[in-house]
Amino acid sequence: MLVFIFTFNLMDTVGRWLAGQRFGMIGDRMTLILTYGRVIFIATSFIIDYNAGPEWLTGIHGDWFKIVNMALFAFTNGYCSTLCAIKTPSRAPEDSKEVVGTFVGVFITIGIVLGSIIALGVGRLIKQNEK
């Protein structure tokens, strides 16, 4: 479990760092494609959770797939969210840029808090079902 938490936090941080660098910037269209493309992680999560894939992918020797999936999910999480947070205020009308930037920061924080609260609740549900 610690490997997954470490992997997520490391790759999320790397993604956020890269998006903040000049050489890490990509165009608006590619940002949208990459952001919407993250839907693939719904499918890969189901494959992992229900061991629905082939044995070599999700079986006892398939831990590599779980870790790579987590690393890619975390990287794209940090990268895409930071790119969107950077690009959004610049697309707003001149008189709204400050307000839009504030809303981006507030809603990122709300999203992190809600995600943490939901994760705590789901964790408790899972522990109750395991008993």
C-alpha atoms as a PDB file:
ATOM      1  CA  MET A   1       0.000   0.000   0.000  1.00  0.00           C
ATOM      2  CA  LEU A   2       2.823   2.414   0.803  1.00  0.00           C
ATOM      3  CA  VAL A   3       4.315   1.812  -2.639  1.00  0.00           C
ATOM      4  CA  PHE A   4       1.084   3.025  -4.254  1.00  0.00           C
ATOM      5  CA  ILE A   5       0.842   6.119  -2.060  1.00  0.00           C
ATOM      6  CA  PHE A   6       4.510   6.940  -2.683  1.00  0.00           C
ATOM      7  CA  THR A   7       4.136   6.324  -6.428  1.00  0.00           C
ATOM      8  CA  PHE A   8       1.045   8.503  -6.650  1.00  0.00           C
ATOM      9  CA  ASN A   9       2.550  11.404  -4.720  1.00  0.00           C
ATOM     10  CA  LEU A  10       5.873  11.256  -6.553  1.00  0.00           C
ATOM     11  CA  MET A  11       4.377  11.092 -10.040  1.00  0.00           C
ATOM     12  CA  ASP A  12       1.720  13.710  -9.256  1.00  0.00           C
ATOM     13  CA  THR A  13       4.490  16.060  -8.117  1.00  0.00           C
ATOM     14  CA  VAL A  14       6.595  15.313 -11.216  1.00  0.00           C
ATOM     15  CA  GLY A  15       3.566  16.028 -13.418  1.00  0.00           C
ATOM     16  CA  ARG A  16       2.859  19.316 -11.653  1.00  0.00           C
ATOM     17  CA  TRP A  17       6.520  20.338 -11.888  1.00  0.00           C
ATOM     18  CA  LEU A  18       6.737  19.497 -15.603  1.00  0.00           C
ATOM     19  CA  ALA A  19       3.565  21.437 -16.413  1.00  0.00           C
ATOM     20  CA  GLY A  20       5.043  24.484 -14.712  1.00  0.00           C
ATOM     21  CA  GLN A  21       8.173  24.423 -16.883  1.00  0.00           C
ATOM     22  CA  ARG A  22       8.387  26.207 -20.221  1.00  0.00           C
ATOM     23  CA  PHE A  23       9.482  23.006 -21.967  1.00  0.00           C
ATOM     24  CA  GLY A  24       6.553  21.114 -20.439  1.00  0.00           C
ATOM     25  CA  MET A  25       3.899  23.300 -22.034  1.00  0.00           C
ATOM     26  CA  ILE A  26       1.735  21.783 -24.746  1.00  0.00           C
ATOM     27  CA  GLY A  27      -0.967  23.301 -26.926  1.00  0.00           C
ATOM     28  CA  ASP A  28      -4.569  23.758 -25.902  1.00  0.00           C
ATOM     29  CA  ARG A  29      -5.845  20.989 -28.167  1.00  0.00           C
ATOM     30  CA  MET A  30      -3.320  18.471 -26.854  1.00  0.00           C
ATOM     31  CA  THR A  31      -4.158  19.486 -23.269  1.00  0.00           C
ATOM     32  CA  LEU A  32      -7.839  18.728 -23.916  1.00  0.00           C
ATOM     33  CA  ILE A  33      -7.066  15.412 -25.615  1.00  0.00           C
ATOM     34  CA  LEU A  34      -4.802  14.334 -22.757  1.00  0.00           C
ATOM     35  CA  THR A  35      -7.303  15.462 -20.114  1.00  0.00           C
ATOM     36  CA  TYR A  36     -10.253  13.677 -21.723  1.00  0.00           C
ATOM     37  CA  GLY A  37      -8.046  10.686 -22.490  1.00  0.00           C
ATOM     38  CA  ARG A  38      -7.670  10.091 -18.758  1.00  0.00           C
ATOM     39  CA  VAL A  39     -11.047   8.300 -18.959  1.00  0.00           C
ATOM     40  CA  ILE A  40      -8.990   5.219 -19.889  1.00  0.00           C
ATOM     41  CA  PHE A  41      -8.063   4.948 -16.214  1.00  0.00           C
ATOM     42  CA  ILE A  42     -11.669   4.032 -15.397  1.00  0.00           C
ATOM     43  CA  ALA A  43     -11.271   0.920 -17.543  1.00  0.00           C
ATOM     44  CA  THR A  44      -7.826   0.048 -16.220  1.00  0.00           C
ATOM     45  CA  SER A  45      -9.048   0.494 -12.641  1.00  0.00           C
ATOM     46  CA  PHE A  46     -11.885  -1.964 -13.239  1.00  0.00           C
ATOM     47  CA  ILE A  47      -9.460  -4.413 -14.837  1.00  0.00           C
ATOM     48  CA  ILE A  48      -7.226  -4.207 -11.769  1.00  0.00           C
ATOM     49  CA  ASP A  49     -10.019  -4.226  -9.165  1.00  0.00           C
ATOM     50  CA  TYR A  50     -11.859  -7.198 -10.629  1.00  0.00           C
ATOM     51  CA  ASN A  51      -8.850  -9.090 -12.035  1.00  0.00           C
ATOM     52  CA  ALA A  52     -10.659  -9.004 -15.368  1.00  0.00           C
ATOM     53  CA  GLY A  53      -7.557  -8.975 -17.527  1.00  0.00           C
ATOM     54  CA  PRO A  54      -5.303 -11.819 -18.559  1.00  0.00           C
ATOM     55  CA  GLU A  55      -3.272 -13.552 -15.849  1.00  0.00           C
ATOM     56  CA  TRP A  56       0.036 -12.034 -17.032  1.00  0.00           C
ATOM     57  CA  LEU A  57      -1.482  -8.564 -16.664  1.00  0.00           C
ATOM     58  CA  THR A  58      -3.408  -8.709 -13.398  1.00  0.00           C
ATOM     59  CA  GLY A  59      -2.276 -11.919 -11.781  1.00  0.00           C
ATOM     60  CA  ILE A  60       0.341 -12.435  -9.118  1.00  0.00           C
ATOM     61  CA  HIS A  61       3.102 -11.351 -11.523  1.00  0.00           C
ATOM     62  CA  GLY A  62       1.068  -8.403 -12.826  1.00  0.00           C
ATOM     63  CA  ASP A  63       2.064  -5.963 -10.098  1.00  0.00           C
ATOM     64  CA  TRP A  64       4.071  -4.044 -12.689  1.00  0.00           C
ATOM     65  CA  PHE A  65       0.805  -3.172 -14.467  1.00  0.00           C
ATOM     66  CA  LYS A  66      -0.755  -1.885 -11.254  1.00  0.00           C
ATOM     67  CA  ILE A  67       2.246   0.303 -10.459  1.00  0.00           C
ATOM     68  CA  VAL A  68       2.623   1.634 -14.019  1.00  0.00           C
ATOM     69  CA  ASN A  69      -1.113   2.354 -14.151  1.00  0.00           C
ATOM     70  CA  MET A  70      -0.901   4.254 -10.861  1.00  0.00           C
ATOM     71  CA  ALA A  71       2.175   6.164 -12.027  1.00  0.00           C
ATOM     72  CA  LEU A  72       0.532   7.217 -15.299  1.00  0.00           C
ATOM     73  CA  PHE A  73      -2.716   8.119 -13.552  1.00  0.00           C
ATOM     74  CA  ALA A  74      -0.874  10.246 -10.990  1.00  0.00           C
ATOM     75  CA  PHE A  75       1.394  11.905 -13.559  1.00  0.00           C
ATOM     76  CA  THR A  76      -1.515  12.875 -15.798  1.00  0.00           C
ATOM     77  CA  ASN A  77      -3.440  14.056 -12.733  1.00  0.00           C
ATOM     78  CA  GLY A  78      -0.721  16.520 -11.773  1.00  0.00           C
ATOM     79  CA  TYR A  79       0.220  17.452 -15.324  1.00  0.00           C
ATOM     80  CA  CYS A  80      -3.283  18.032 -16.686  1.00  0.00           C
ATOM     81  CA  SER A  81      -4.637  19.842 -13.643  1.00  0.00           C
ATOM     82  CA  THR A  82      -1.648  22.186 -13.544  1.00  0.00           C
ATOM     83  CA  LEU A  83      -1.810  22.885 -17.283  1.00  0.00           C
ATOM     84  CA  CYS A  84      -5.511  23.675 -17.000  1.00  0.00           C
ATOM     85  CA  ALA A  85      -4.906  25.900 -13.972  1.00  0.00           C
ATOM     86  CA  ILE A  86      -2.198  27.792 -15.881  1.00  0.00           C
ATOM     87  CA  LYS A  87      -4.093  28.115 -19.159  1.00  0.00           C
ATOM     88  CA  THR A  88      -7.559  28.968 -17.845  1.00  0.00           C
ATOM     89  CA  PRO A  89      -6.966  32.523 -16.545  1.00  0.00           C
ATOM     90  CA  SER A  90      -5.212  33.528 -19.754  1.00  0.00           C
ATOM     91  CA  ARG A  91      -8.328  32.559 -21.759  1.00  0.00           C
ATOM     92  CA  ALA A  92     -10.636  34.723 -19.628  1.00  0.00           C
ATOM     93  CA  PRO A  93     -11.582  38.307 -20.540  1.00  0.00           C
ATOM     94  CA  GLU A  94      -9.114  40.863 -19.202  1.00  0.00           C
ATOM     95  CA  ASP A  95     -11.430  42.128 -16.474  1.00  0.00           C
ATOM     96  CA  SER A  96     -12.123  38.567 -15.208  1.00  0.00           C
ATOM     97  CA  LYS A  97      -8.618  37.048 -15.114  1.00  0.00           C
ATOM     98  CA  GLU A  98      -8.103  37.658 -11.397  1.00  0.00           C
ATOM     99  CA  VAL A  99     -11.485  36.205 -10.459  1.00  0.00           C
ATOM    100  CA  VAL A 100     -10.991  33.172 -12.701  1.00  0.00           C
ATOM    101  CA  GLY A 101      -7.544  32.533 -11.198  1.00  0.00           C
ATOM    102  CA  THR A 102      -9.009  32.720  -7.706  1.00  0.00           C
ATOM    103  CA  PHE A 103     -11.797  30.302  -8.597  1.00  0.00           C
ATOM    104  CA  VAL A 104      -9.285  27.853 -10.077  1.00  0.00           C
ATOM    105  CA  GLY A 105      -7.291  27.843  -6.842  1.00  0.00           C
ATOM    106  CA  VAL A 106     -10.384  27.541  -4.655  1.00  0.00           C
ATOM    107  CA  PHE A 107     -11.883  24.695  -6.668  1.00  0.00           C
ATOM    108  CA  ILE A 108      -8.614  22.755  -6.818  1.00  0.00           C
ATOM    109  CA  THR A 109      -8.502  22.954  -3.022  1.00  0.00           C
ATOM    110  CA  ILE A 110     -12.163  21.928  -2.700  1.00  0.00           C
ATOM    111  CA  GLY A 111     -11.531  19.013  -5.058  1.00  0.00           C
ATOM    112  CA  ILE A 112      -8.582  17.779  -3.020  1.00  0.00           C
ATOM    113  CA  VAL A 113     -10.549  18.037   0.231  1.00  0.00           C
ATOM    114  CA  LEU A 114     -13.609  16.270  -1.216  1.00  0.00           C
ATOM    115  CA  GLY A 115     -11.427  13.557  -2.731  1.00  0.00           C
ATOM    116  CA  SER A 116      -9.777  12.954   0.643  1.00  0.00           C
ATOM    117  CA  ILE A 117     -13.111  12.815   2.460  1.00  0.00           C
ATOM    118  CA  ILE A 118     -14.555  10.398  -0.106  1.00  0.00           C
ATOM    119  CA  ALA A 119     -11.415   8.240   0.099  1.00  0.00           C
ATOM    120  CA  LEU A 120     -11.765   8.033   3.876  1.00  0.00           C
ATOM    121  CA  GLY A 121     -15.407   6.978   3.564  1.00  0.00           C
ATOM    122  CA  VAL A 122     -14.684   4.402   0.891  1.00  0.00           C
ATOM    123  CA  GLY A 123     -11.783   3.045   2.956  1.00  0.00           C
ATOM    124  CA  ARG A 124     -14.107   2.498   5.902  1.00  0.00           C
ATOM    125  CA  LEU A 125     -16.696   0.803   3.689  1.00  0.00           C
ATOM    126  CA  ILE A 126     -14.075  -1.550   2.307  1.00  0.00           C
ATOM    127  CA  LYS A 127     -12.830  -2.430   5.794  1.00  0.00           C
ATOM    128  CA  GLN A 128     -16.415  -3.145   6.938  1.00  0.00           C
ATOM    129  CA  ASN A 129     -17.034  -5.404   3.929  1.00  0.00           C
ATOM    130  CA  GLU A 130     -13.831  -7.348   4.551  1.00  0.00           C
ATOM    131  CA  LYS A 131     -15.005  -8.384   8.046  1.00  0.00           C
END
